[in-house]
C-alpha atoms as a PDB file:
ATOM      1  CA  MET A   1      52.628 147.290 102.925  1.00  0.00           C
ATOM      2  CA  LEU A   2      52.948 143.945 104.548  1.00  0.00           C
ATOM      3  CA  PHE A   3      49.410 144.014 105.778  1.00  0.00           C
ATOM      4  CA  ARG A   4      48.107 145.024 102.366  1.00  0.00           C
ATOM      5  CA  SER A   5      49.890 142.190 100.779  1.00  0.00           C
ATOM      6  CA  GLY A   6      48.639 139.683 103.303  1.00  0.00           C
ATOM      7  CA  PHE A   7      45.040 141.129 102.856  1.00  0.00           C
ATOM      8  CA  ILE A   8      45.195 140.649  99.117  1.00  0.00           C
ATOM      9  CA  ALA A   9      46.756 137.043  99.579  1.00  0.00           C
ATOM     10  CA  LEU A  10      43.588 136.449 101.865  1.00  0.00           C
ATOM     11  CA  LEU A  11      41.233 137.542  99.262  1.00  0.00           C
ATOM     12  CA  VAL A  12      42.900 135.288  96.626  1.00  0.00           C
ATOM     13  CA  ILE A  13      42.828 132.136  98.889  1.00  0.00           C
ATOM     14  CA  ALA A  14      39.029 132.960  99.792  1.00  0.00           C
ATOM     15  CA  ARG A  15      38.273 133.158  96.047  1.00  0.00           C
ATOM     16  CA  LEU A  16      39.847 129.998  95.270  1.00  0.00           C
ATOM     17  CA  ILE A  17      38.036 127.961  97.976  1.00  0.00           C
ATOM     18  CA  LEU A  18      34.520 129.844  97.543  1.00  0.00           C
ATOM     19  CA  PRO A  19      33.420 127.303  94.779  1.00  0.00           C
ATOM     20  CA  TYR A  20      34.350 124.392  97.098  1.00  0.00           C
ATOM     21  CA  VAL A  21      32.394 126.020  99.871  1.00  0.00           C
ATOM     22  CA  VAL A  22      29.309 126.832  97.700  1.00  0.00           C
ATOM     23  CA  LYS A  23      29.360 123.234  96.147  1.00  0.00           C
ATOM     24  CA  THR A  24      29.240 121.758  99.491  1.00  0.00           C
ATOM     25  CA  TYR A  25      26.235 123.950 100.349  1.00  0.00           C
ATOM     26  CA  VAL A  26      24.450 123.270  97.259  1.00  0.00           C
ATOM     27  CA  ASN A  27      24.805 119.401  97.614  1.00  0.00           C
ATOM     28  CA  ASN A  28      23.577 119.631 101.157  1.00  0.00           C
ATOM     29  CA  THR A  29      20.564 121.610 100.319  1.00  0.00           C
ATOM     30  CA  LEU A  30      19.864 119.268  97.382  1.00  0.00           C
ATOM     31  CA  ALA A  31      20.004 116.311  99.911  1.00  0.00           C
ATOM     32  CA  THR A  32      16.965 117.599 101.903  1.00  0.00           C
ATOM     33  CA  MET A  33      14.309 117.028  99.248  1.00  0.00           C
ATOM     34  CA  ASP A  34      11.528 114.435 100.204  1.00  0.00           C
ATOM     35  CA  GLY A  35      11.858 111.265  97.954  1.00  0.00           C
ATOM     36  CA  TYR A  36      14.535 112.964  95.842  1.00  0.00           C
ATOM     37  CA  HIS A  37      18.173 113.402  96.080  1.00  0.00           C
ATOM     38  CA  GLY A  38      20.138 116.039  94.079  1.00  0.00           C
ATOM     39  CA  HIS A  39      23.930 116.358  93.228  1.00  0.00           C
ATOM     40  CA  VAL A  40      26.136 118.875  91.442  1.00  0.00           C
ATOM     41  CA  ASP A  41      29.592 118.130  89.888  1.00  0.00           C
ATOM     42  CA  ASP A  42      31.019 121.714  90.110  1.00  0.00           C
ATOM     43  CA  ILE A  43      30.299 125.251  90.894  1.00  0.00           C
ATOM     44  CA  THR A  44      31.582 128.335  88.972  1.00  0.00           C
ATOM     45  CA  ILE A  45      31.574 131.915  90.668  1.00  0.00           C
ATOM     46  CA  SER A  46      31.397 135.165  88.912  1.00  0.00           C
ATOM     47  CA  LEU A  47      31.623 137.794  91.546  1.00  0.00           C
ATOM     48  CA  TRP A  48      31.535 140.938  89.223  1.00  0.00           C
ATOM     49  CA  ARG A  49      28.214 139.667  87.791  1.00  0.00           C
ATOM     50  CA  GLY A  50      26.845 138.620  91.186  1.00  0.00           C
ATOM     51  CA  ALA A  51      26.249 135.215  89.893  1.00  0.00           C
ATOM     52  CA  TYR A  52      27.307 131.475  90.147  1.00  0.00           C
ATOM     53  CA  GLY A  53      26.954 128.442  88.040  1.00  0.00           C
ATOM     54  CA  ILE A  54      25.769 125.021  88.765  1.00  0.00           C
ATOM     55  CA  VAL A  55      27.509 122.505  86.577  1.00  0.00           C
ATOM     56  CA  SER A  56      26.024 119.010  85.838  1.00  0.00           C
ATOM     57  CA  LEU A  57      22.847 118.861  88.120  1.00  0.00           C
ATOM     58  CA  ASN A  58      21.089 115.542  88.613  1.00  0.00           C
ATOM     59  CA  ILE A  59      18.129 115.060  90.693  1.00  0.00           C
ATOM     60  CA  GLU A  60      17.081 111.331  91.174  1.00  0.00           C
ATOM     61  CA  LYS A  61      14.247 109.623  92.934  1.00  0.00           C
ATOM     62  CA  THR A  62      15.684 107.838  96.047  1.00  0.00           C
ATOM     63  CA  ASP A  63      12.920 105.131  96.911  1.00  0.00           C
ATOM     64  CA  ALA A  64      12.765 103.487  93.556  1.00  0.00           C
ATOM     65  CA  GLN A  65      15.083 101.963  90.926  1.00  0.00           C
ATOM     66  CA  ILE A  66      14.519 104.249  88.145  1.00  0.00           C
ATOM     67  CA  PRO A  67      17.156 104.275  85.267  1.00  0.00           C
ATOM     68  CA  VAL A  68      16.781 108.029  84.232  1.00  0.00           C
ATOM     69  CA  PRO A  69      17.065 110.945  86.484  1.00  0.00           C
ATOM     70  CA  PHE A  70      13.958 113.197  87.003  1.00  0.00           C
ATOM     71  CA  ILE A  71      15.911 116.188  86.186  1.00  0.00           C
ATOM     72  CA  SER A  72      19.275 116.710  84.542  1.00  0.00           C
ATOM     73  CA  VAL A  73      20.831 120.107  83.570  1.00  0.00           C
ATOM     74  CA  ALA A  74      24.256 120.637  82.049  1.00  0.00           C
ATOM     75  CA  MET A  75      24.590 124.187  83.391  1.00  0.00           C
ATOM     76  CA  ILE A  76      22.306 126.583  85.378  1.00  0.00           C
ATOM     77  CA  ASP A  77      23.257 130.190  85.746  1.00  0.00           C
ATOM     78  CA  LEU A  78      21.834 132.158  88.612  1.00  0.00           C
ATOM     79  CA  SER A  79      22.539 135.851  88.576  1.00  0.00           C
ATOM     80  CA  ILE A  80      21.436 139.105  90.064  1.00  0.00           C
ATOM     81  CA  GLU A  81      19.617 141.622  87.571  1.00  0.00           C
ATOM     82  CA  TRP A  82      21.745 144.693  88.143  1.00  0.00           C
ATOM     83  CA  ALA A  83      19.420 146.936  86.045  1.00  0.00           C
ATOM     84  CA  ALA A  84      16.522 146.091  88.469  1.00  0.00           C
ATOM     85  CA  ILE A  85      18.675 147.492  91.308  1.00  0.00           C
ATOM     86  CA  PHE A  86      18.519 150.914  89.879  1.00  0.00           C
ATOM     87  CA  HIS A  87      14.606 150.588  90.043  1.00  0.00           C
ATOM     88  CA  GLY A  88      14.813 149.563  93.750  1.00  0.00           C
ATOM     89  CA  SER A  89      14.342 145.949  93.182  1.00  0.00           C
ATOM     90  CA  LEU A  90      16.550 142.997  94.115  1.00  0.00           C
ATOM     91  CA  VAL A  91      15.651 140.304  91.747  1.00  0.00           C
ATOM     92  CA  GLY A  92      17.349 137.575  89.869  1.00  0.00           C
ATOM     93  CA  ALA A  93      17.433 135.678  86.517  1.00  0.00           C
ATOM     94  CA  VAL A  94      18.060 131.900  86.005  1.00  0.00           C
ATOM     95  CA  THR A  95      18.961 130.218  82.747  1.00  0.00           C
ATOM     96  CA  PHE A  96      18.891 126.436  82.354  1.00  0.00           C
ATOM     97  CA  ASN A  97      21.008 124.914  79.535  1.00  0.00           C
ATOM     98  CA  ASP A  98      20.676 121.516  78.078  1.00  0.00           C
ATOM     99  CA  MET A  99      17.895 120.700  80.817  1.00  0.00           C
ATOM    100  CA  LYS A 100      16.041 117.300  80.455  1.00  0.00           C
ATOM    101  CA  ILE A 101      12.913 116.283  82.544  1.00  0.00           C
ATOM    102  CA  ASN A 102      11.870 112.645  82.433  1.00  0.00           C
ATOM    103  CA  PHE A 103       8.299 111.821  83.610  1.00  0.00           C
ATOM    104  CA  VAL A 104       8.204 108.161  84.045  1.00  0.00           C
ATOM    105  CA  GLU A 105       5.207 105.772  84.469  1.00  0.00           C
ATOM    106  CA  GLY A 106       6.045 102.600  86.179  1.00  0.00           C
ATOM    107  CA  ALA A 107       4.259  99.523  87.291  1.00  0.00           C
ATOM    108  CA  THR A 108       3.283 101.025  90.637  1.00  0.00           C
ATOM    109  CA  LYS A 109       3.180 104.600  92.076  1.00  0.00           C
ATOM    110  CA  LYS A 110       6.496 104.059  93.793  1.00  0.00           C
ATOM    111  CA  GLU A 111       8.133 103.136  90.506  1.00  0.00           C
ATOM    112  CA  SER A 112       6.764 106.115  88.733  1.00  0.00           C
ATOM    113  CA  GLN A 113       8.227 109.520  88.929  1.00  0.00           C
ATOM    114  CA  ASN A 114       6.393 112.942  88.220  1.00  0.00           C
ATOM    115  CA  GLY A 115       7.892 115.238  90.981  1.00  0.00           C
ATOM    116  CA  ALA A 116       4.400 115.908  92.374  1.00  0.00           C
ATOM    117  CA  ASP A 117       5.631 114.383  95.862  1.00  0.00           C
ATOM    118  CA  ALA A 118       8.464 116.917  96.228  1.00  0.00           C
ATOM    119  CA  ASN A 119       8.546 120.623  96.687  1.00  0.00           C
ATOM    120  CA  PHE A 120      11.488 121.714  94.443  1.00  0.00           C
ATOM    121  CA  LEU A 121      10.810 125.598  95.471  1.00  0.00           C
ATOM    122  CA  ILE A 122      12.121 125.069  98.915  1.00  0.00           C
ATOM    123  CA  PRO A 123      15.834 124.171  97.915  1.00  0.00           C
ATOM    124  CA  LEU A 124      15.629 126.637  94.951  1.00  0.00           C
ATOM    125  CA  LYS A 125      15.045 129.527  97.249  1.00  0.00           C
ATOM    126  CA  LYS A 126      17.725 128.355  99.637  1.00  0.00           C
ATOM    127  CA  LEU A 127      20.148 128.345  96.587  1.00  0.00           C
ATOM    128  CA  PHE A 128      19.132 131.697  95.403  1.00  0.00           C
ATOM    129  CA  PRO A 129      17.138 133.685  98.015  1.00  0.00           C
ATOM    130  CA  PHE A 130      15.802 136.456  95.541  1.00  0.00           C
ATOM    131  CA  GLN A 131      12.696 136.436  93.506  1.00  0.00           C
ATOM    132  CA  PHE A 132      13.288 135.564  89.850  1.00  0.00           C
ATOM    133  CA  ASN A 133      12.151 138.079  87.415  1.00  0.00           C
ATOM    134  CA  LYS A 134      13.666 136.393  84.266  1.00  0.00           C
ATOM    135  CA  PHE A 135      13.637 132.604  83.462  1.00  0.00           C
ATOM    136  CA  ASP A 136      15.291 131.000  80.314  1.00  0.00           C
ATOM    137  CA  VAL A 137      15.584 127.422  79.071  1.00  0.00           C
ATOM    138  CA  ASN A 138      17.981 126.682  76.204  1.00  0.00           C
ATOM    139  CA  ASN A 139      17.870 123.386  74.420  1.00  0.00           C
ATOM    140  CA  GLY A 140      15.344 121.703  76.824  1.00  0.00           C
ATOM    141  CA  GLU A 141      13.801 118.243  76.624  1.00  0.00           C
ATOM    142  CA  ILE A 142      10.767 116.798  78.327  1.00  0.00           C
ATOM    143  CA  HIS A 143      10.134 112.972  78.031  1.00  0.00           C
ATOM    144  CA  PHE A 144       7.253 110.925  78.966  1.00  0.00           C
ATOM    145  CA  GLN A 145       8.518 107.415  79.360  1.00  0.00           C
ATOM    146  CA  ASN A 146       7.097 103.853  80.107  1.00  0.00           C
ATOM    147  CA  LEU A 147      10.133 101.571  80.123  1.00  0.00           C
ATOM    148  CA  ASN A 148       7.906  98.528  81.105  1.00  0.00           C
ATOM    149  CA  ALA A 149       5.662  98.784  78.021  1.00  0.00           C
ATOM    150  CA  LYS A 150       6.318  96.585  75.131  1.00  0.00           C
ATOM    151  CA  PRO A 151       7.532  98.219  73.150  1.00  0.00           C
ATOM    152  CA  PRO A 152       8.968 100.719  75.641  1.00  0.00           C
ATOM    153  CA  VAL A 153       7.272 104.251  75.254  1.00  0.00           C
ATOM    154  CA  ASP A 154       9.335 107.501  74.997  1.00  0.00           C
ATOM    155  CA  ILE A 155       7.354 110.595  73.916  1.00  0.00           C
ATOM    156  CA  HIS A 156       9.367 113.693  74.024  1.00  0.00           C
ATOM    157  CA  VAL A 157       9.566 117.349  73.292  1.00  0.00           C
ATOM    158  CA  ASP A 158      13.085 118.492  72.230  1.00  0.00           C
ATOM    159  CA  GLU A 159      14.902 121.636  71.245  1.00  0.00           C
ATOM    160  CA  LEU A 160      12.761 123.376  73.813  1.00  0.00           C
ATOM    161  CA  GLN A 161      13.432 127.315  74.178  1.00  0.00           C
ATOM    162  CA  ILE A 162      11.609 129.195  76.900  1.00  0.00           C
ATOM    163  CA  HIS A 163      11.960 133.082  77.827  1.00  0.00           C
ATOM    164  CA  ALA A 164      10.018 134.361  80.628  1.00  0.00           C
ATOM    165  CA  VAL A 165      10.180 137.843  81.852  1.00  0.00           C
ATOM    166  CA  ASN A 166       8.394 140.088  84.478  1.00  0.00           C
ATOM    167  CA  LEU A 167       7.704 137.070  86.854  1.00  0.00           C
ATOM    168  CA  THR A 168       8.030 139.319  89.730  1.00  0.00           C
ATOM    169  CA  ASN A 169       4.881 141.101  88.685  1.00  0.00           C
ATOM    170  CA  SER A 170       6.367 144.544  89.211  1.00  0.00           C
ATOM    171  CA  GLU A 171       5.670 147.840  87.628  1.00  0.00           C
ATOM    172  CA  HIS A 172       9.024 149.098  88.747  1.00  0.00           C
ATOM    173  CA  LEU A 173      10.651 146.630  86.300  1.00  0.00           C
ATOM    174  CA  SER A 174       8.138 146.718  83.554  1.00  0.00           C
ATOM    175  CA  LYS A 175       5.365 148.886  82.137  1.00  0.00           C
ATOM    176  CA  THR A 176       2.780 146.249  82.888  1.00  0.00           C
ATOM    177  CA  LEU A 177       2.112 143.841  85.672  1.00  0.00           C
ATOM    178  CA  VAL A 178       1.665 141.120  83.244  1.00  0.00           C
ATOM    179  CA  ALA A 179       4.172 138.338  82.874  1.00  0.00           C
ATOM    180  CA  THR A 180       4.960 136.868  79.466  1.00  0.00           C
ATOM    181  CA  ILE A 181       6.282 133.525  78.622  1.00  0.00           C
ATOM    182  CA  ASP A 182       7.343 132.436  75.155  1.00  0.00           C
ATOM    183  CA  ALA A 183       8.103 128.900  74.096  1.00  0.00           C
ATOM    184  CA  THR A 184       9.437 127.026  71.133  1.00  0.00           C
ATOM    185  CA  GLY A 185      10.418 123.484  70.231  1.00  0.00           C
ATOM    186  CA  LYS A 186       9.896 120.254  68.515  1.00  0.00           C
ATOM    187  CA  ALA A 187       7.756 117.345  69.206  1.00  0.00           C
ATOM    188  CA  MET A 188       9.683 113.995  68.369  1.00  0.00           C
ATOM    189  CA  HIS A 189      12.147 116.020  66.412  1.00  0.00           C
ATOM    190  CA  VAL A 190       9.602 116.953  63.621  1.00  0.00           C
ATOM    191  CA  GLY A 191       6.641 118.654  65.112  1.00  0.00           C
ATOM    192  CA  ALA A 192       6.845 122.362  65.622  1.00  0.00           C
ATOM    193  CA  LEU A 193       5.648 123.799  68.817  1.00  0.00           C
ATOM    194  CA  GLN A 194       5.072 127.470  69.565  1.00  0.00           C
ATOM    195  CA  GLY A 195       3.525 129.147  72.511  1.00  0.00           C
ATOM    196  CA  HIS A 196       2.780 132.483  74.015  1.00  0.00           C
ATOM    197  CA  LEU A 197       1.397 133.316  77.430  1.00  0.00           C
ATOM    198  CA  GLU A 198       0.674 136.612  79.047  1.00  0.00           C
ATOM    199  CA  ILE A 199      -0.636 136.137  82.541  1.00  0.00           C
ATOM    200  CA  ASP A 200      -1.049 138.318  85.634  1.00  0.00           C
ATOM    201  CA  PRO A 201      -0.177 135.651  88.316  1.00  0.00           C
ATOM    202  CA  TYR A 202      -1.401 137.876  91.390  1.00  0.00           C
ATOM    203  CA  ALA A 203      -4.773 139.039  89.872  1.00  0.00           C
ATOM    204  CA  GLU A 204      -7.741 138.297  92.142  1.00  0.00           C
ATOM    205  CA  LYS A 205      -9.572 136.460  89.184  1.00  0.00           C
ATOM    206  CA  PRO A 206      -7.699 134.589  86.451  1.00  0.00           C
ATOM    207  CA  LEU A 207      -6.324 136.981  83.953  1.00  0.00           C
ATOM    208  CA  PHE A 208      -4.406 135.452  80.953  1.00  0.00           C
ATOM    209  CA  LYS A 209      -4.015 135.184  77.172  1.00  0.00           C
ATOM    210  CA  LEU A 210      -2.864 131.837  75.845  1.00  0.00           C
ATOM    211  CA  ALA A 211      -1.706 131.000  72.283  1.00  0.00           C
ATOM    212  CA  PHE A 212      -0.290 127.649  71.446  1.00  0.00           C
ATOM    213  CA  GLN A 213       0.006 125.459  68.348  1.00  0.00           C
ATOM    214  CA  LEU A 214       1.676 122.240  67.214  1.00  0.00           C
ATOM    215  CA  THR A 215       2.053 121.592  63.314  1.00  0.00           C
ATOM    216  CA  GLY A 216       3.581 118.828  61.274  1.00  0.00           C
ATOM    217  CA  MET A 217       3.380 116.040  63.811  1.00  0.00           C
ATOM    218  CA  GLN A 218       3.918 112.614  62.058  1.00  0.00           C
ATOM    219  CA  LEU A 219       1.675 110.104  63.765  1.00  0.00           C
ATOM    220  CA  LYS A 220       3.652 107.084  62.951  1.00  0.00           C
ATOM    221  CA  LEU A 221       6.416 108.398  65.233  1.00  0.00           C
ATOM    222  CA  LEU A 222       4.023 107.805  68.060  1.00  0.00           C
ATOM    223  CA  ASN A 223       3.434 104.160  67.293  1.00  0.00           C
ATOM    224  CA  ASP A 224       5.166 102.758  70.210  1.00  0.00           C
ATOM    225  CA  PHE A 225       2.580 104.720  72.344  1.00  0.00           C
ATOM    226  CA  PHE A 226      -0.282 103.612  70.167  1.00  0.00           C
ATOM    227  CA  HIS A 227       0.806 100.006  70.426  1.00  0.00           C
ATOM    228  CA  SER A 228       0.848 100.006  74.166  1.00  0.00           C
ATOM    229  CA  TYR A 229      -2.096 102.308  75.116  1.00  0.00           C
ATOM    230  CA  ALA A 230      -4.421 102.052  72.106  1.00  0.00           C
ATOM    231  CA  TYR A 231      -3.701  98.791  70.506  1.00  0.00           C
ATOM    232  CA  VAL A 232      -3.633 100.368  67.133  1.00  0.00           C
ATOM    233  CA  ASP A 233      -0.966 100.824  64.466  1.00  0.00           C
ATOM    234  CA  VAL A 234      -0.898 104.170  62.521  1.00  0.00           C
ATOM    235  CA  ASP A 235       0.383 103.602  59.100  1.00  0.00           C
ATOM    236  CA  ARG A 236       0.260 107.315  57.991  1.00  0.00           C
ATOM    237  CA  GLY A 237      -1.171 110.601  59.110  1.00  0.00           C
ATOM    238  CA  THR A 238      -0.243 114.161  60.529  1.00  0.00           C
ATOM    239  CA  PHE A 239      -1.680 115.837  63.540  1.00  0.00           C
ATOM    240  CA  GLN A 240      -1.867 119.453  64.329  1.00  0.00           C
ATOM    241  CA  PHE A 241      -3.367 121.238  67.301  1.00  0.00           C
ATOM    242  CA  ALA A 242      -4.249 124.951  67.728  1.00  0.00           C
ATOM    243  CA  THR A 243      -5.640 126.769  70.820  1.00  0.00           C
ATOM    244  CA  GLU A 244      -6.248 130.280  71.922  1.00  0.00           C
ATOM    245  CA  LEU A 245      -7.606 130.798  75.317  1.00  0.00           C
ATOM    246  CA  SER A 246      -8.242 133.857  77.560  1.00  0.00           C
ATOM    247  CA  ALA A 247      -9.583 134.842  80.906  1.00  0.00           C
ATOM    248  CA  SER A 248     -10.758 138.274  82.137  1.00  0.00           C
ATOM    249  CA  HIS A 249     -13.209 139.567  84.740  1.00  0.00           C
ATOM    250  CA  GLY A 250     -14.179 135.960  85.663  1.00  0.00           C
ATOM    251  CA  LYS A 251     -15.061 134.865  81.958  1.00  0.00           C
ATOM    252  CA  PHE A 252     -13.243 132.445  79.766  1.00  0.00           C
ATOM    253  CA  ASP A 253     -13.098 132.475  76.089  1.00  0.00           C
ATOM    254  CA  GLY A 254     -11.383 130.617  73.271  1.00  0.00           C
ATOM    255  CA  TYR A 255     -11.168 127.563  71.177  1.00  0.00           C
ATOM    256  CA  VAL A 256      -9.440 124.054  70.936  1.00  0.00           C
ATOM    257  CA  LYS A 257      -8.751 122.630  67.502  1.00  0.00           C
ATOM    258  CA  PRO A 258      -7.262 119.078  67.125  1.00  0.00           C
ATOM    259  CA  LEU A 259      -6.994 118.206  63.531  1.00  0.00           C
ATOM    260  CA  PHE A 260      -5.992 114.810  61.870  1.00  0.00           C
ATOM    261  CA  HIS A 261      -5.007 114.609  58.253  1.00  0.00           C
ATOM    262  CA  ASP A 262      -4.747 111.543  55.927  1.00  0.00           C
ATOM    263  CA  MET A 263      -4.773 109.143  59.053  1.00  0.00           C
ATOM    264  CA  HIS A 264      -4.725 105.347  58.396  1.00  0.00           C
ATOM    265  CA  VAL A 265      -5.132 103.145  61.485  1.00  0.00           C
ATOM    266  CA  LEU A 266      -4.829  99.408  61.912  1.00  0.00           C
ATOM    267  CA  PRO A 267      -6.152  97.829  65.007  1.00  0.00           C
ATOM    268  CA  ILE A 268      -3.621  95.306  66.722  1.00  0.00           C
ATOM    269  CA  VAL A 269      -5.343  92.217  68.015  1.00  0.00           C
ATOM    270  CA  LYS A 270      -2.859  90.477  70.563  1.00  0.00           C
ATOM    271  CA  GLY A 271      -2.441  86.856  70.769  1.00  0.00           C
ATOM    272  CA  THR A 272      -3.648  85.900  67.308  1.00  0.00           C
ATOM    273  CA  ASN A 273      -2.260  85.437  63.830  1.00  0.00           C
ATOM    274  CA  ASN A 274      -5.661  84.777  62.332  1.00  0.00           C
ATOM    275  CA  PRO A 275      -6.093  87.589  59.498  1.00  0.00           C
ATOM    276  CA  LEU A 276      -9.761  87.503  59.739  1.00  0.00           C
ATOM    277  CA  LYS A 277      -9.757  88.105  63.409  1.00  0.00           C
ATOM    278  CA  VAL A 278      -7.483  91.084  62.904  1.00  0.00           C
ATOM    279  CA  VAL A 279      -9.724  92.464  60.222  1.00  0.00           C
END
């Protein structure tokens, strides 16, 4: 009886300290990325689900003073897919809640950040050593920023929802080898984004079907970008974009349609107040 009580007490203590042990391991792992440093505020453990949560993740570039992190996520849930175990596969699912990615163009390459100079898959595999079969993003944002431009540029996609399944490309878990990815979102809070991708990532030749559209984009919301990069001012107009692309047996097919409607553009001539020169 005493041994049983002691064993139960030991399990309780182990459960209490487990989040702190995992948090230390996660932060040490995130500190090994070239050019970037990651940190999490807390860890939650769900033993019955075979899952753990990462609370408040921030990944920042270390060799430059950039005022925004490259990646920030309020909550990440990593779990084992129990249903897949009955099909003989040990795979996982990951969900990112309130994720923000900031691509920054600086005055130099060092002062810019796009993640191309870091391999984030290596620490991710260390944090969850199973293949991911499902991937979700809830309420994501992607920003392109140039904080040195005048005016500062911040083009973004918000309210991003992504749902991807069958990423392991397994007939044990699905009736097909094709992975599917669906996404919706808003461009600058108003333009509606919608995309659907079916892809066999392990096919010898490209094999995919892509459908994507953007509608209702108000061009004047992009004026900070137009002022800095094109030296024009858009007074009014809307933009929509649609594409359907497919690849099979080494052949590509599809179309791309960018459409502007009722657009009115005025050039900006810097360094002059002469109205005739502006015209």
